[in-house]
Amino acid sequence: MSGSTGVNPVDAMSEAQEAEALAEAMVFLGTDFEAAVEGLTGAVSEHVTGGLDDYGLDTMEHIRRVAQNGINLAQNVQGADLAITDTDHENAEEYQEGLESLDIQINF
């Protein structure tokens, strides 16, 4: 655990982009998986196609959930990053206003 606090908005947005890329990869994985199951269905006996169909549907549901979780993760990280950046800007403005209202001359 680090001894510092705060967030680097650039790093946080990079992490959000990685989560988004993961979600996109899962969508493409689902498409490839569906194609593979369809190819198998034509190659196997009719006695196993029912099980293969069930397997394909179950697996696609899991892939869909993982992809949705990746999308949610990316959106949550992006939202948090934007909120942190907004808070930082607001605090910087308030700090500057406070300094200006003090009207203290500083000699260098």
PDB file of N, CA and C in Angstrom:
ATOM      1  N   MET A   1       0.849  -1.173   0.000  1.00  0.00           N
ATOM      2  CA  MET A   1       0.000   0.000   0.000  1.00  0.00           C
ATOM      3  C   MET A   1       0.888   1.226   0.000  1.00  0.00           C
ATOM      4  N   SER A   2       0.596   2.160  -0.878  1.00  0.00           N
ATOM      5  CA  SER A   2       1.431   3.350  -0.959  1.00  0.00           C
ATOM      6  C   SER A   2       1.043   4.338   0.128  1.00  0.00           C
ATOM      7  N   GLY A   3       1.965   5.243   0.424  1.00  0.00           N
ATOM      8  CA  GLY A   3       1.721   6.250   1.445  1.00  0.00           C
ATOM      9  C   GLY A   3       1.201   7.545   0.861  1.00  0.00           C
ATOM     10  N   SER A   4       0.811   7.536  -0.401  1.00  0.00           N
ATOM     11  CA  SER A   4       0.354   8.775  -1.027  1.00  0.00           C
ATOM     12  C   SER A   4      -1.138   8.708  -1.321  1.00  0.00           C
ATOM     13  N   THR A   5      -1.693   9.878  -1.576  1.00  0.00           N
ATOM     14  CA  THR A   5      -3.102   9.953  -1.954  1.00  0.00           C
ATOM     15  C   THR A   5      -3.218  10.706  -3.262  1.00  0.00           C
ATOM     16  N   GLY A   6      -4.341  10.568  -3.894  1.00  0.00           N
ATOM     17  CA  GLY A   6      -4.568  11.297  -5.134  1.00  0.00           C
ATOM     18  C   GLY A   6      -4.616  10.364  -6.321  1.00  0.00           C
ATOM     19  N   VAL A   7      -4.975  10.955  -7.442  1.00  0.00           N
ATOM     20  CA  VAL A   7      -5.124  10.190  -8.679  1.00  0.00           C
ATOM     21  C   VAL A   7      -4.466  10.951  -9.805  1.00  0.00           C
ATOM     22  N   ASN A   8      -3.745  10.232 -10.626  1.00  0.00           N
ATOM     23  CA  ASN A   8      -3.213  10.824 -11.846  1.00  0.00           C
ATOM     24  C   ASN A   8      -4.277  10.608 -12.919  1.00  0.00           C
ATOM     25  N   PRO A   9      -4.941  11.681 -13.376  1.00  0.00           N
ATOM     26  CA  PRO A   9      -6.038  11.514 -14.333  1.00  0.00           C
ATOM     27  C   PRO A   9      -5.617  10.854 -15.644  1.00  0.00           C
ATOM     28  N   VAL A  10      -4.393  11.095 -16.075  1.00  0.00           N
ATOM     29  CA  VAL A  10      -3.918  10.490 -17.324  1.00  0.00           C
ATOM     30  C   VAL A  10      -3.804   8.979 -17.158  1.00  0.00           C
ATOM     31  N   ASP A  11      -3.221   8.541 -16.038  1.00  0.00           N
ATOM     32  CA  ASP A  11      -3.111   7.104 -15.777  1.00  0.00           C
ATOM     33  C   ASP A  11      -4.487   6.460 -15.625  1.00  0.00           C
ATOM     34  N   ALA A  12      -5.387   7.156 -14.947  1.00  0.00           N
ATOM     35  CA  ALA A  12      -6.734   6.611 -14.741  1.00  0.00           C
ATOM     36  C   ALA A  12      -7.460   6.447 -16.072  1.00  0.00           C
ATOM     37  N   MET A  13      -7.325   7.418 -16.955  1.00  0.00           N
ATOM     38  CA  MET A  13      -7.992   7.311 -18.258  1.00  0.00           C
ATOM     39  C   MET A  13      -7.370   6.188 -19.083  1.00  0.00           C
ATOM     40  N   SER A  14      -6.068   5.986 -18.921  1.00  0.00           N
ATOM     41  CA  SER A  14      -5.400   4.885 -19.611  1.00  0.00           C
ATOM     42  C   SER A  14      -5.961   3.541 -19.138  1.00  0.00           C
ATOM     43  N   GLU A  15      -6.185   3.423 -17.837  1.00  0.00           N
ATOM     44  CA  GLU A  15      -6.765   2.190 -17.295  1.00  0.00           C
ATOM     45  C   GLU A  15      -8.183   1.981 -17.827  1.00  0.00           C
ATOM     46  N   ALA A  16      -8.933   3.055 -17.955  1.00  0.00           N
ATOM     47  CA  ALA A  16     -10.290   2.953 -18.497  1.00  0.00           C
ATOM     48  C   ALA A  16     -10.255   2.489 -19.946  1.00  0.00           C
ATOM     49  N   GLN A  17      -9.297   2.983 -20.703  1.00  0.00           N
ATOM     50  CA  GLN A  17      -9.176   2.567 -22.101  1.00  0.00           C
ATOM     51  C   GLN A  17      -8.801   1.092 -22.204  1.00  0.00           C
ATOM     52  N   GLU A  18      -7.970   0.612 -21.276  1.00  0.00           N
ATOM     53  CA  GLU A  18      -7.624  -0.813 -21.272  1.00  0.00           C
ATOM     54  C   GLU A  18      -8.844  -1.673 -20.955  1.00  0.00           C
ATOM     55  N   ALA A  19      -9.668  -1.222 -20.022  1.00  0.00           N
ATOM     56  CA  ALA A  19     -10.892  -1.964 -19.696  1.00  0.00           C
ATOM     57  C   ALA A  19     -11.845  -1.977 -20.883  1.00  0.00           C
ATOM     58  N   GLU A  20     -11.902  -0.860 -21.593  1.00  0.00           N
ATOM     59  CA  GLU A  20     -12.751  -0.786 -22.779  1.00  0.00           C
ATOM     60  C   GLU A  20     -12.246  -1.737 -23.866  1.00  0.00           C
ATOM     61  N   ALA A  21     -10.939  -1.808 -24.041  1.00  0.00           N
ATOM     62  CA  ALA A  21     -10.353  -2.725 -25.028  1.00  0.00           C
ATOM     63  C   ALA A  21     -10.645  -4.176 -24.649  1.00  0.00           C
ATOM     64  N   LEU A  22     -10.600  -4.484 -23.350  1.00  0.00           N
ATOM     65  CA  LEU A  22     -10.935  -5.830 -22.882  1.00  0.00           C
ATOM     66  C   LEU A  22     -12.378  -6.173 -23.239  1.00  0.00           C
ATOM     67  N   ALA A  23     -13.273  -5.239 -23.005  1.00  0.00           N
ATOM     68  CA  ALA A  23     -14.685  -5.480 -23.311  1.00  0.00           C
ATOM     69  C   ALA A  23     -14.880  -5.714 -24.810  1.00  0.00           C
ATOM     70  N   GLU A  24     -14.207  -4.923 -25.633  1.00  0.00           N
ATOM     71  CA  GLU A  24     -14.307  -5.109 -27.083  1.00  0.00           C
ATOM     72  C   GLU A  24     -13.763  -6.473 -27.499  1.00  0.00           C
ATOM     73  N   ALA A  25     -12.658  -6.884 -26.884  1.00  0.00           N
ATOM     74  CA  ALA A  25     -12.077  -8.191 -27.202  1.00  0.00           C
ATOM     75  C   ALA A  25     -13.046  -9.313 -26.836  1.00  0.00           C
ATOM     76  N   MET A  26     -13.758  -9.154 -25.729  1.00  0.00           N
ATOM     77  CA  MET A  26     -14.719 -10.179 -25.326  1.00  0.00           C
ATOM     78  C   MET A  26     -15.879 -10.265 -26.316  1.00  0.00           C
ATOM     79  N   VAL A  27     -16.288  -9.131 -26.875  1.00  0.00           N
ATOM     80  CA  VAL A  27     -17.356  -9.149 -27.879  1.00  0.00           C
ATOM     81  C   VAL A  27     -16.897  -9.938 -29.101  1.00  0.00           C
ATOM     82  N   PHE A  28     -15.664  -9.682 -29.543  1.00  0.00           N
ATOM     83  CA  PHE A  28     -15.137 -10.416 -30.699  1.00  0.00           C
ATOM     84  C   PHE A  28     -14.940 -11.891 -30.367  1.00  0.00           C
ATOM     85  N   LEU A  29     -14.550 -12.186 -29.135  1.00  0.00           N
ATOM     86  CA  LEU A  29     -14.419 -13.580 -28.717  1.00  0.00           C
ATOM     87  C   LEU A  29     -15.770 -14.277 -28.819  1.00  0.00           C
ATOM     88  N   GLY A  30     -16.820 -13.603 -28.401  1.00  0.00           N
ATOM     89  CA  GLY A  30     -18.161 -14.174 -28.491  1.00  0.00           C
ATOM     90  C   GLY A  30     -18.553 -14.482 -29.923  1.00  0.00           C
ATOM     91  N   THR A  31     -18.235 -13.571 -30.822  1.00  0.00           N
ATOM     92  CA  THR A  31     -18.536 -13.784 -32.243  1.00  0.00           C
ATOM     93  C   THR A  31     -17.772 -14.988 -32.783  1.00  0.00           C
ATOM     94  N   ASP A  32     -16.491 -15.072 -32.452  1.00  0.00           N
ATOM     95  CA  ASP A  32     -15.676 -16.210 -32.892  1.00  0.00           C
ATOM     96  C   ASP A  32     -16.182 -17.516 -32.289  1.00  0.00           C
ATOM     97  N   PHE A  33     -16.570 -17.468 -31.020  1.00  0.00           N
ATOM     98  CA  PHE A  33     -17.066 -18.665 -30.348  1.00  0.00           C
ATOM     99  C   PHE A  33     -18.355 -19.150 -31.009  1.00  0.00           C
ATOM    100  N   GLU A  34     -19.261 -18.228 -31.307  1.00  0.00           N
ATOM    101  CA  GLU A  34     -20.510 -18.616 -31.975  1.00  0.00           C
ATOM    102  C   GLU A  34     -20.233 -19.295 -33.312  1.00  0.00           C
ATOM    103  N   ALA A  35     -19.293 -18.755 -34.062  1.00  0.00           N
ATOM    104  CA  ALA A  35     -18.942 -19.347 -35.359  1.00  0.00           C
ATOM    105  C   ALA A  35     -18.367 -20.749 -35.176  1.00  0.00           C
ATOM    106  N   ALA A  36     -17.541 -20.931 -34.144  1.00  0.00           N
ATOM    107  CA  ALA A  36     -16.949 -22.246 -33.893  1.00  0.00           C
ATOM    108  C   ALA A  36     -18.021 -23.264 -33.512  1.00  0.00           C
ATOM    109  N   VAL A  37     -18.964 -22.854 -32.662  1.00  0.00           N
ATOM    110  CA  VAL A  37     -20.035 -23.768 -32.253  1.00  0.00           C
ATOM    111  C   VAL A  37     -20.916 -24.116 -33.451  1.00  0.00           C
ATOM    112  N   GLU A  38     -21.201 -23.150 -34.297  1.00  0.00           N
ATOM    113  CA  GLU A  38     -21.998 -23.431 -35.500  1.00  0.00           C
ATOM    114  C   GLU A  38     -21.274 -24.423 -36.409  1.00  0.00           C
ATOM    115  N   GLY A  39     -19.957 -24.269 -36.522  1.00  0.00           N
ATOM    116  CA  GLY A  39     -19.176 -25.207 -37.323  1.00  0.00           C
ATOM    117  C   GLY A  39     -19.196 -26.605 -36.741  1.00  0.00           C
ATOM    118  N   LEU A  40     -19.138 -26.699 -35.430  1.00  0.00           N
ATOM    119  CA  LEU A  40     -19.187 -28.010 -34.773  1.00  0.00           C
ATOM    120  C   LEU A  40     -20.555 -28.662 -34.926  1.00  0.00           C
ATOM    121  N   THR A  41     -21.591 -27.858 -34.863  1.00  0.00           N
ATOM    122  CA  THR A  41     -22.947 -28.407 -34.939  1.00  0.00           C
ATOM    123  C   THR A  41     -23.151 -29.195 -36.230  1.00  0.00           C
ATOM    124  N   GLY A  42     -22.606 -28.700 -37.316  1.00  0.00           N
ATOM    125  CA  GLY A  42     -22.735 -29.410 -38.582  1.00  0.00           C
ATOM    126  C   GLY A  42     -21.871 -30.649 -38.667  1.00  0.00           C
ATOM    127  N   ALA A  43     -20.847 -30.730 -37.828  1.00  0.00           N
ATOM    128  CA  ALA A  43     -19.896 -31.838 -37.924  1.00  0.00           C
ATOM    129  C   ALA A  43     -20.183 -32.977 -36.951  1.00  0.00           C
ATOM    130  N   VAL A  44     -21.056 -32.770 -35.985  1.00  0.00           N
ATOM    131  CA  VAL A  44     -21.283 -33.816 -34.979  1.00  0.00           C
ATOM    132  C   VAL A  44     -22.629 -34.491 -35.209  1.00  0.00           C
ATOM    133  N   SER A  45     -22.796 -35.587 -34.521  1.00  0.00           N
ATOM    134  CA  SER A  45     -24.030 -36.365 -34.618  1.00  0.00           C
ATOM    135  C   SER A  45     -25.197 -35.585 -34.009  1.00  0.00           C
ATOM    136  N   GLU A  46     -26.387 -35.893 -34.469  1.00  0.00           N
ATOM    137  CA  GLU A  46     -27.579 -35.215 -33.950  1.00  0.00           C
ATOM    138  C   GLU A  46     -27.810 -35.526 -32.473  1.00  0.00           C
ATOM    139  N   HIS A  47     -27.151 -36.570 -31.958  1.00  0.00           N
ATOM    140  CA  HIS A  47     -27.308 -36.940 -30.551  1.00  0.00           C
ATOM    141  C   HIS A  47     -26.607 -35.951 -29.619  1.00  0.00           C
ATOM    142  N   VAL A  48     -25.637 -35.237 -30.132  1.00  0.00           N
ATOM    143  CA  VAL A  48     -24.901 -34.298 -29.270  1.00  0.00           C
ATOM    144  C   VAL A  48     -25.193 -32.834 -29.599  1.00  0.00           C
ATOM    145  N   THR A  49     -25.945 -32.589 -30.637  1.00  0.00           N
ATOM    146  CA  THR A  49     -26.193 -31.188 -31.002  1.00  0.00           C
ATOM    147  C   THR A  49     -26.974 -30.440 -29.928  1.00  0.00           C
ATOM    148  N   GLY A  50     -27.886 -31.131 -29.242  1.00  0.00           N
ATOM    149  CA  GLY A  50     -28.638 -30.483 -28.154  1.00  0.00           C
ATOM    150  C   GLY A  50     -27.716 -30.016 -27.042  1.00  0.00           C
ATOM    151  N   GLY A  51     -26.796 -30.889 -26.655  1.00  0.00           N
ATOM    152  CA  GLY A  51     -25.826 -30.520 -25.618  1.00  0.00           C
ATOM    153  C   GLY A  51     -24.897 -29.421 -26.085  1.00  0.00           C
ATOM    154  N   LEU A  52     -24.519 -29.491 -27.340  1.00  0.00           N
ATOM    155  CA  LEU A  52     -23.644 -28.465 -27.902  1.00  0.00           C
ATOM    156  C   LEU A  52     -24.360 -27.119 -27.950  1.00  0.00           C
ATOM    157  N   ASP A  53     -25.637 -27.145 -28.304  1.00  0.00           N
ATOM    158  CA  ASP A  53     -26.418 -25.903 -28.323  1.00  0.00           C
ATOM    159  C   ASP A  53     -26.510 -25.293 -26.923  1.00  0.00           C
ATOM    160  N   ASP A  54     -26.798 -26.152 -25.925  1.00  0.00           N
ATOM    161  CA  ASP A  54     -26.875 -25.662 -24.542  1.00  0.00           C
ATOM    162  C   ASP A  54     -25.541 -25.094 -24.085  1.00  0.00           C
ATOM    163  N   TYR A  55     -24.461 -25.810 -24.411  1.00  0.00           N
ATOM    164  CA  TYR A  55     -23.120 -25.342 -24.055  1.00  0.00           C
ATOM    165  C   TYR A  55     -22.841 -23.984 -24.698  1.00  0.00           C
ATOM    166  N   GLY A  56     -23.189 -23.855 -25.968  1.00  0.00           N
ATOM    167  CA  GLY A  56     -22.961 -22.595 -26.675  1.00  0.00           C
ATOM    168  C   GLY A  56     -23.743 -21.450 -26.057  1.00  0.00           C
ATOM    169  N   LEU A  57     -25.006 -21.699 -25.732  1.00  0.00           N
ATOM    170  CA  LEU A  57     -25.833 -20.648 -25.123  1.00  0.00           C
ATOM    171  C   LEU A  57     -25.308 -20.243 -23.751  1.00  0.00           C
ATOM    172  N   ASP A  58     -24.952 -21.238 -22.926  1.00  0.00           N
ATOM    173  CA  ASP A  58     -24.423 -20.938 -21.586  1.00  0.00           C
ATOM    174  C   ASP A  58     -23.120 -20.153 -21.669  1.00  0.00           C
ATOM    175  N   THR A  59     -22.241 -20.600 -22.531  1.00  0.00           N
ATOM    176  CA  THR A  59     -20.943 -19.939 -22.651  1.00  0.00           C
ATOM    177  C   THR A  59     -21.101 -18.528 -23.195  1.00  0.00           C
ATOM    178  N   MET A  60     -21.988 -18.346 -24.165  1.00  0.00           N
ATOM    179  CA  MET A  60     -22.222 -17.005 -24.708  1.00  0.00           C
ATOM    180  C   MET A  60     -22.775 -16.069 -23.639  1.00  0.00           C
ATOM    181  N   GLU A  61     -23.601 -16.584 -22.759  1.00  0.00           N
ATOM    182  CA  GLU A  61     -24.129 -15.758 -21.667  1.00  0.00           C
ATOM    183  C   GLU A  61     -22.996 -15.304 -20.747  1.00  0.00           C
ATOM    184  N   HIS A  62     -22.066 -16.208 -20.452  1.00  0.00           N
ATOM    185  CA  HIS A  62     -20.925 -15.837 -19.603  1.00  0.00           C
ATOM    186  C   HIS A  62     -20.024 -14.821 -20.309  1.00  0.00           C
ATOM    187  N   ILE A  63     -19.786 -15.030 -21.576  1.00  0.00           N
ATOM    188  CA  ILE A  63     -18.964 -14.080 -22.339  1.00  0.00           C
ATOM    189  C   ILE A  63     -19.650 -12.713 -22.368  1.00  0.00           C
ATOM    190  N   ARG A  64     -20.962 -12.709 -22.561  1.00  0.00           N
ATOM    191  CA  ARG A  64     -21.717 -11.451 -22.576  1.00  0.00           C
ATOM    192  C   ARG A  64     -21.595 -10.724 -21.241  1.00  0.00           C
ATOM    193  N   ARG A  65     -21.682 -11.474 -20.141  1.00  0.00           N
ATOM    194  CA  ARG A  65     -21.555 -10.859 -18.810  1.00  0.00           C
ATOM    195  C   ARG A  65     -20.169 -10.260 -18.603  1.00  0.00           C
ATOM    196  N   VAL A  66     -19.144 -10.986 -19.011  1.00  0.00           N
ATOM    197  CA  VAL A  66     -17.779 -10.471 -18.864  1.00  0.00           C
ATOM    198  C   VAL A  66     -17.600  -9.209 -19.702  1.00  0.00           C
ATOM    199  N   ALA A  67     -18.116  -9.221 -20.917  1.00  0.00           N
ATOM    200  CA  ALA A  67     -18.022  -8.031 -21.771  1.00  0.00           C
ATOM    201  C   ALA A  67     -18.762  -6.858 -21.140  1.00  0.00           C
ATOM    202  N   GLN A  68     -19.948  -7.107 -20.595  1.00  0.00           N
ATOM    203  CA  GLN A  68     -20.717  -6.031 -19.955  1.00  0.00           C
ATOM    204  C   GLN A  68     -19.988  -5.506 -18.723  1.00  0.00           C
ATOM    205  N   ASN A  69     -19.372  -6.395 -17.957  1.00  0.00           N
ATOM    206  CA  ASN A  69     -18.593  -5.953 -16.796  1.00  0.00           C
ATOM    207  C   ASN A  69     -17.418  -5.084 -17.222  1.00  0.00           C
ATOM    208  N   GLY A  70     -16.776  -5.436 -18.324  1.00  0.00           N
ATOM    209  CA  GLY A  70     -15.678  -4.614 -18.839  1.00  0.00           C
ATOM    210  C   GLY A  70     -16.153  -3.238 -19.257  1.00  0.00           C
ATOM    211  N   ILE A  71     -17.312  -3.183 -19.905  1.00  0.00           N
ATOM    212  CA  ILE A  71     -17.891  -1.892 -20.298  1.00  0.00           C
ATOM    213  C   ILE A  71     -18.230  -1.072 -19.059  1.00  0.00           C
ATOM    214  N   ASN A  72     -18.857  -1.704 -18.073  1.00  0.00           N
ATOM    215  CA  ASN A  72     -19.195  -1.002 -16.830  1.00  0.00           C
ATOM    216  C   ASN A  72     -17.947  -0.492 -16.123  1.00  0.00           C
ATOM    217  N   LEU A  73     -16.911  -1.321 -16.089  1.00  0.00           N
ATOM    218  CA  LEU A  73     -15.657  -0.913 -15.459  1.00  0.00           C
ATOM    219  C   LEU A  73     -15.083   0.312 -16.152  1.00  0.00           C
ATOM    220  N   ALA A  74     -15.038   0.278 -17.472  1.00  0.00           N
ATOM    221  CA  ALA A  74     -14.503   1.414 -18.227  1.00  0.00           C
ATOM    222  C   ALA A  74     -15.315   2.676 -17.959  1.00  0.00           C
ATOM    223  N   GLN A  75     -16.632   2.552 -17.959  1.00  0.00           N
ATOM    224  CA  GLN A  75     -17.483   3.715 -17.712  1.00  0.00           C
ATOM    225  C   GLN A  75     -17.300   4.248 -16.293  1.00  0.00           C
ATOM    226  N   ASN A  76     -17.188   3.356 -15.326  1.00  0.00           N
ATOM    227  CA  ASN A  76     -17.004   3.788 -13.940  1.00  0.00           C
ATOM    228  C   ASN A  76     -15.668   4.489 -13.737  1.00  0.00           C
ATOM    229  N   VAL A  77     -14.611   3.945 -14.325  1.00  0.00           N
ATOM    230  CA  VAL A  77     -13.291   4.570 -14.184  1.00  0.00           C
ATOM    231  C   VAL A  77     -13.276   5.922 -14.889  1.00  0.00           C
ATOM    232  N   GLN A  78     -13.865   5.989 -16.087  1.00  0.00           N
ATOM    233  CA  GLN A  78     -13.917   7.266 -16.804  1.00  0.00           C
ATOM    234  C   GLN A  78     -14.731   8.295 -16.020  1.00  0.00           C
ATOM    235  N   GLY A  79     -15.858   7.876 -15.472  1.00  0.00           N
ATOM    236  CA  GLY A  79     -16.691   8.785 -14.681  1.00  0.00           C
ATOM    237  C   GLY A  79     -15.977   9.282 -13.442  1.00  0.00           C
ATOM    238  N   ALA A  80     -15.296   8.373 -12.754  1.00  0.00           N
ATOM    239  CA  ALA A  80     -14.545   8.771 -11.559  1.00  0.00           C
ATOM    240  C   ALA A  80     -13.413   9.713 -11.923  1.00  0.00           C
ATOM    241  N   ASP A  81     -12.742   9.427 -13.024  1.00  0.00           N
ATOM    242  CA  ASP A  81     -11.637  10.278 -13.468  1.00  0.00           C
ATOM    243  C   ASP A  81     -12.138  11.689 -13.777  1.00  0.00           C
ATOM    244  N   LEU A  82     -13.263  11.789 -14.463  1.00  0.00           N
ATOM    245  CA  LEU A  82     -13.827  13.106 -14.776  1.00  0.00           C
ATOM    246  C   LEU A  82     -14.255  13.844 -13.507  1.00  0.00           C
ATOM    247  N   ALA A  83     -14.846  13.125 -12.561  1.00  0.00           N
ATOM    248  CA  ALA A  83     -15.260  13.749 -11.303  1.00  0.00           C
ATOM    249  C   ALA A  83     -14.049  14.254 -10.520  1.00  0.00           C
ATOM    250  N   ILE A  84     -12.982  13.471 -10.500  1.00  0.00           N
ATOM    251  CA  ILE A  84     -11.763  13.878  -9.791  1.00  0.00           C
ATOM    252  C   ILE A  84     -11.152  15.101 -10.456  1.00  0.00           C
ATOM    253  N   THR A  85     -11.102  15.098 -11.780  1.00  0.00           N
ATOM    254  CA  THR A  85     -10.546  16.239 -12.509  1.00  0.00           C
ATOM    255  C   THR A  85     -11.374  17.493 -12.259  1.00  0.00           C
ATOM    256  N   ASP A  86     -12.701  17.370 -12.283  1.00  0.00           N
ATOM    257  CA  ASP A  86     -13.568  18.518 -11.994  1.00  0.00           C
ATOM    258  C   ASP A  86     -13.336  19.048 -10.586  1.00  0.00           C
ATOM    259  N   THR A  87     -13.229  18.144  -9.620  1.00  0.00           N
ATOM    260  CA  THR A  87     -12.988  18.548  -8.236  1.00  0.00           C
ATOM    261  C   THR A  87     -11.651  19.260  -8.105  1.00  0.00           C
ATOM    262  N   ASP A  88     -10.629  18.737  -8.763  1.00  0.00           N
ATOM    263  CA  ASP A  88      -9.314  19.382  -8.723  1.00  0.00           C
ATOM    264  C   ASP A  88      -9.381  20.798  -9.286  1.00  0.00           C
ATOM    265  N   HIS A  89     -10.082  20.975 -10.409  1.00  0.00           N
ATOM    266  CA  HIS A  89     -10.195  22.309 -11.011  1.00  0.00           C
ATOM    267  C   HIS A  89     -10.974  23.261 -10.105  1.00  0.00           C
ATOM    268  N   GLU A  90     -12.073  22.780  -9.534  1.00  0.00           N
ATOM    269  CA  GLU A  90     -12.863  23.617  -8.625  1.00  0.00           C
ATOM    270  C   GLU A  90     -12.031  24.049  -7.424  1.00  0.00           C
ATOM    271  N   ASN A  91     -11.293  23.108  -6.847  1.00  0.00           N
ATOM    272  CA  ASN A  91     -10.473  23.436  -5.680  1.00  0.00           C
ATOM    273  C   ASN A  91      -9.361  24.408  -6.037  1.00  0.00           C
ATOM    274  N   ALA A  92      -8.769  24.246  -7.210  1.00  0.00           N
ATOM    275  CA  ALA A  92      -7.712  25.166  -7.636  1.00  0.00           C
ATOM    276  C   ALA A  92      -8.271  26.572  -7.809  1.00  0.00           C
ATOM    277  N   GLU A  93      -9.475  26.684  -8.381  1.00  0.00           N
ATOM    278  CA  GLU A  93     -10.100  27.995  -8.551  1.00  0.00           C
ATOM    279  C   GLU A  93     -10.414  28.631  -7.203  1.00  0.00           C
ATOM    280  N   GLU A  94     -10.963  27.846  -6.274  1.00  0.00           N
ATOM    281  CA  GLU A  94     -11.274  28.369  -4.944  1.00  0.00           C
ATOM    282  C   GLU A  94     -10.008  28.798  -4.214  1.00  0.00           C
ATOM    283  N   TYR A  95      -8.951  28.042  -4.361  1.00  0.00           N
ATOM    284  CA  TYR A  95      -7.679  28.387  -3.728  1.00  0.00           C
ATOM    285  C   TYR A  95      -7.166  29.706  -4.294  1.00  0.00           C
ATOM    286  N   GLN A  96      -7.237  29.848  -5.618  1.00  0.00           N
ATOM    287  CA  GLN A  96      -6.779  31.078  -6.262  1.00  0.00           C
ATOM    288  C   GLN A  96      -7.625  32.268  -5.816  1.00  0.00           C
ATOM    289  N   GLU A  97      -8.937  32.093  -5.735  1.00  0.00           N
ATOM    290  CA  GLU A  97      -9.823  33.161  -5.271  1.00  0.00           C
ATOM    291  C   GLU A  97      -9.480  33.558  -3.841  1.00  0.00           C
ATOM    292  N   GLY A  98      -9.177  32.575  -3.006  1.00  0.00           N
ATOM    293  CA  GLY A  98      -8.801  32.857  -1.618  1.00  0.00           C
ATOM    294  C   GLY A  98      -7.518  33.660  -1.538  1.00  0.00           C
ATOM    295  N   LEU A  99      -6.547  33.305  -2.350  1.00  0.00           N
ATOM    296  CA  LEU A  99      -5.286  34.054  -2.370  1.00  0.00           C
ATOM    297  C   LEU A  99      -5.512  35.489  -2.831  1.00  0.00           C
ATOM    298  N   GLU A 100      -6.328  35.650  -3.852  1.00  0.00           N
ATOM    299  CA  GLU A 100      -6.592  36.989  -4.378  1.00  0.00           C
ATOM    300  C   GLU A 100      -7.348  37.845  -3.372  1.00  0.00           C
ATOM    301  N   SER A 101      -8.265  37.261  -2.617  1.00  0.00           N
ATOM    302  CA  SER A 101      -9.028  38.043  -1.646  1.00  0.00           C
ATOM    303  C   SER A 101      -8.186  38.437  -0.441  1.00  0.00           C
ATOM    304  N   LEU A 102      -7.118  37.707  -0.169  1.00  0.00           N
ATOM    305  CA  LEU A 102      -6.221  38.094   0.931  1.00  0.00           C
ATOM    306  C   LEU A 102      -5.452  39.364   0.594  1.00  0.00           C
ATOM    307  N   ASP A 103      -5.180  39.562  -0.675  1.00  0.00           N
ATOM    308  CA  ASP A 103      -4.478  40.753  -1.156  1.00  0.00           C
ATOM    309  C   ASP A 103      -3.206  41.011  -0.354  1.00  0.00           C
ATOM    310  N   ILE A 104      -2.410  39.991  -0.214  1.00  0.00           N
ATOM    311  CA  ILE A 104      -1.142  40.108   0.515  1.00  0.00           C
ATOM    312  C   ILE A 104      -0.024  40.302  -0.498  1.00  0.00           C
ATOM    313  N   GLN A 105       0.764  41.324  -0.266  1.00  0.00           N
ATOM    314  CA  GLN A 105       1.923  41.570  -1.120  1.00  0.00           C
ATOM    315  C   GLN A 105       3.064  40.675  -0.658  1.00  0.00           C
ATOM    316  N   ILE A 106       3.627  39.983  -1.593  1.00  0.00           N
ATOM    317  CA  ILE A 106       4.747  39.097  -1.267  1.00  0.00           C
ATOM    318  C   ILE A 106       5.993  39.700  -1.867  1.00  0.00           C
ATOM    319  N   ASN A 107       7.016  39.873  -1.020  1.00  0.00           N
ATOM    320  CA  ASN A 107       8.293  40.429  -1.474  1.00  0.00           C
ATOM    321  C   ASN A 107       9.238  39.297  -1.831  1.00  0.00           C
ATOM    322  N   PHE A 108       9.812  39.400  -2.993  1.00  0.00           N
ATOM    323  CA  PHE A 108      10.803  38.402  -3.408  1.00  0.00           C
ATOM    324  C   PHE A 108      12.149  39.031  -3.472  1.00  0.00           C
TER     325      PHE A 108
END
